[in-house]
Amino acid sequence: MFWKVLIIFLAVIWFVGLILRATFSRFLRRQTEAYQRAAKEAQRQARTRNKREGEVTVEATRTAAGKKVNRGVGEYVEFEEITVTEENTGKR
């Protein structure tokens, strides 16, 4: 009887530990993301406060990942490289 109670008690403690660990890591991740967002916003506001009137700043946005043109679009054009020399231009 004692061993059954001890095993059940240890299993419950182990299970509660798993749940707490998962919950805490999720909470910690969310808090970290919130602090990062707040820091970025504070930096952005600090940059805008220091600008002179009429000054314009372009901030980068997310780039479209995977934005590619299909191979069937357009056609292949051959070209020949021409170097410019005095003989070609006719100038003397």
C-alpha atoms as a PDB file:
ATOM      1  CA  MET A   1       0.000   0.000   0.000  1.00  0.00           C
ATOM      2  CA  PHE A   2       2.800   2.391   0.899  1.00  0.00           C
ATOM      3  CA  TRP A   3       4.577   1.803  -2.431  1.00  0.00           C
ATOM      4  CA  LYS A   4       1.398   2.423  -4.438  1.00  0.00           C
ATOM      5  CA  VAL A   5       0.817   5.751  -2.690  1.00  0.00           C
ATOM      6  CA  LEU A   6       4.462   6.722  -3.142  1.00  0.00           C
ATOM      7  CA  ILE A   7       4.433   5.863  -6.866  1.00  0.00           C
ATOM      8  CA  ILE A   8       1.155   7.741  -7.420  1.00  0.00           C
ATOM      9  CA  PHE A   9       2.477  10.731  -5.480  1.00  0.00           C
ATOM     10  CA  LEU A  10       5.694  10.824  -7.557  1.00  0.00           C
ATOM     11  CA  ALA A  11       3.725  10.445 -10.795  1.00  0.00           C
ATOM     12  CA  VAL A  12       1.455  13.361  -9.856  1.00  0.00           C
ATOM     13  CA  ILE A  13       4.446  15.550  -8.966  1.00  0.00           C
ATOM     14  CA  TRP A  14       6.147  14.634 -12.253  1.00  0.00           C
ATOM     15  CA  PHE A  15       2.990  15.403 -14.250  1.00  0.00           C
ATOM     16  CA  VAL A  16       2.461  18.753 -12.483  1.00  0.00           C
ATOM     17  CA  GLY A  17       6.108  19.608 -13.170  1.00  0.00           C
ATOM     18  CA  LEU A  18       5.618  18.935 -16.883  1.00  0.00           C
ATOM     19  CA  ILE A  19       2.537  21.144 -17.011  1.00  0.00           C
ATOM     20  CA  LEU A  20       4.227  23.969 -15.084  1.00  0.00           C
ATOM     21  CA  ARG A  21       7.338  23.796 -17.262  1.00  0.00           C
ATOM     22  CA  ALA A  22       5.293  24.025 -20.472  1.00  0.00           C
ATOM     23  CA  THR A  23       3.117  26.827 -19.104  1.00  0.00           C
ATOM     24  CA  PHE A  24       6.092  28.819 -17.839  1.00  0.00           C
ATOM     25  CA  SER A  25       8.017  28.525 -21.113  1.00  0.00           C
ATOM     26  CA  ARG A  26       4.949  29.702 -23.063  1.00  0.00           C
ATOM     27  CA  PHE A  27       4.470  32.625 -20.654  1.00  0.00           C
ATOM     28  CA  LEU A  28       8.158  33.532 -20.881  1.00  0.00           C
ATOM     29  CA  ARG A  29       8.088  33.450 -24.704  1.00  0.00           C
ATOM     30  CA  ARG A  30       5.027  35.740 -24.819  1.00  0.00           C
ATOM     31  CA  GLN A  31       6.565  38.197 -22.371  1.00  0.00           C
ATOM     32  CA  THR A  32       9.813  38.287 -24.364  1.00  0.00           C
ATOM     33  CA  GLU A  33       7.910  39.038 -27.577  1.00  0.00           C
ATOM     34  CA  ALA A  34       5.928  41.781 -25.833  1.00  0.00           C
ATOM     35  CA  TYR A  35       9.109  43.409 -24.494  1.00  0.00           C
ATOM     36  CA  GLN A  36      10.742  43.228 -27.945  1.00  0.00           C
ATOM     37  CA  ARG A  37       7.703  44.859 -29.581  1.00  0.00           C
ATOM     38  CA  ALA A  38       7.712  47.612 -26.938  1.00  0.00           C
ATOM     39  CA  ALA A  39      11.442  48.232 -27.420  1.00  0.00           C
ATOM     40  CA  LYS A  40      11.071  48.500 -31.206  1.00  0.00           C
ATOM     41  CA  GLU A  41       8.185  50.928 -30.793  1.00  0.00           C
ATOM     42  CA  ALA A  42      10.212  53.034 -28.340  1.00  0.00           C
ATOM     43  CA  GLN A  43      13.147  53.139 -30.771  1.00  0.00           C
ATOM     44  CA  ARG A  44      10.855  54.180 -33.615  1.00  0.00           C
ATOM     45  CA  GLN A  45       9.326  56.942 -31.537  1.00  0.00           C
ATOM     46  CA  ALA A  46      12.764  58.149 -30.441  1.00  0.00           C
ATOM     47  CA  ARG A  47      13.874  58.383 -34.073  1.00  0.00           C
ATOM     48  CA  THR A  48      10.803  60.373 -35.080  1.00  0.00           C
ATOM     49  CA  ARG A  49      11.231  62.834 -32.180  1.00  0.00           C
ATOM     50  CA  ASN A  50      14.745  63.791 -33.300  1.00  0.00           C
ATOM     51  CA  LYS A  51      13.797  64.730 -36.873  1.00  0.00           C
ATOM     52  CA  ARG A  52      13.778  68.232 -38.248  1.00  0.00           C
ATOM     53  CA  GLU A  53      10.697  69.570 -39.999  1.00  0.00           C
ATOM     54  CA  GLY A  54      10.476  68.318 -43.571  1.00  0.00           C
ATOM     55  CA  GLU A  55      12.930  65.463 -43.055  1.00  0.00           C
ATOM     56  CA  VAL A  56      11.716  62.163 -44.478  1.00  0.00           C
ATOM     57  CA  THR A  57      12.819  58.677 -43.449  1.00  0.00           C
ATOM     58  CA  VAL A  58      11.849  55.456 -45.184  1.00  0.00           C
ATOM     59  CA  GLU A  59      11.772  52.430 -42.888  1.00  0.00           C
ATOM     60  CA  ALA A  60      12.099  48.940 -44.284  1.00  0.00           C
ATOM     61  CA  THR A  61       9.111  46.655 -44.181  1.00  0.00           C
ATOM     62  CA  ARG A  62       8.947  42.908 -44.435  1.00  0.00           C
ATOM     63  CA  THR A  63      10.014  41.607 -47.828  1.00  0.00           C
ATOM     64  CA  ALA A  64       7.736  39.277 -49.708  1.00  0.00           C
ATOM     65  CA  ALA A  65       9.349  35.858 -49.301  1.00  0.00           C
ATOM     66  CA  GLY A  66       9.237  33.632 -52.334  1.00  0.00           C
ATOM     67  CA  LYS A  67       8.318  36.410 -54.782  1.00  0.00           C
ATOM     68  CA  LYS A  68       9.718  35.041 -58.027  1.00  0.00           C
ATOM     69  CA  VAL A  69       8.828  35.332 -61.679  1.00  0.00           C
ATOM     70  CA  ASN A  70       7.830  32.183 -63.547  1.00  0.00           C
ATOM     71  CA  ARG A  71      10.300  30.894 -66.118  1.00  0.00           C
ATOM     72  CA  GLY A  72       7.691  31.172 -68.903  1.00  0.00           C
ATOM     73  CA  VAL A  73       7.474  34.946 -68.548  1.00  0.00           C
ATOM     74  CA  GLY A  74       9.422  36.993 -71.104  1.00  0.00           C
ATOM     75  CA  GLU A  75      11.876  35.834 -73.727  1.00  0.00           C
ATOM     76  CA  TYR A  76      15.606  35.316 -73.985  1.00  0.00           C
ATOM     77  CA  VAL A  77      17.514  38.064 -75.774  1.00  0.00           C
ATOM     78  CA  GLU A  78      21.040  37.517 -77.033  1.00  0.00           C
ATOM     79  CA  PHE A  79      23.367  40.461 -76.875  1.00  0.00           C
ATOM     80  CA  GLU A  80      26.864  41.265 -77.945  1.00  0.00           C
ATOM     81  CA  GLU A  81      29.080  43.492 -75.857  1.00  0.00           C
ATOM     82  CA  ILE A  82      30.549  46.399 -77.804  1.00  0.00           C
ATOM     83  CA  THR A  83      33.477  48.343 -76.483  1.00  0.00           C
ATOM     84  CA  VAL A  84      33.717  52.020 -77.337  1.00  0.00           C
ATOM     85  CA  THR A  85      37.002  53.138 -78.819  1.00  0.00           C
ATOM     86  CA  GLU A  86      38.062  56.131 -80.892  1.00  0.00           C
ATOM     87  CA  GLU A  87      37.881  54.016 -84.051  1.00  0.00           C
ATOM     88  CA  ASN A  88      34.233  53.064 -83.390  1.00  0.00           C
ATOM     89  CA  THR A  89      33.001  56.565 -82.604  1.00  0.00           C
ATOM     90  CA  GLY A  90      34.597  58.355 -85.556  1.00  0.00           C
ATOM     91  CA  LYS A  91      35.962  61.095 -83.291  1.00  0.00           C
ATOM     92  CA  ARG A  92      39.521  62.277 -83.785  1.00  0.00           C
END
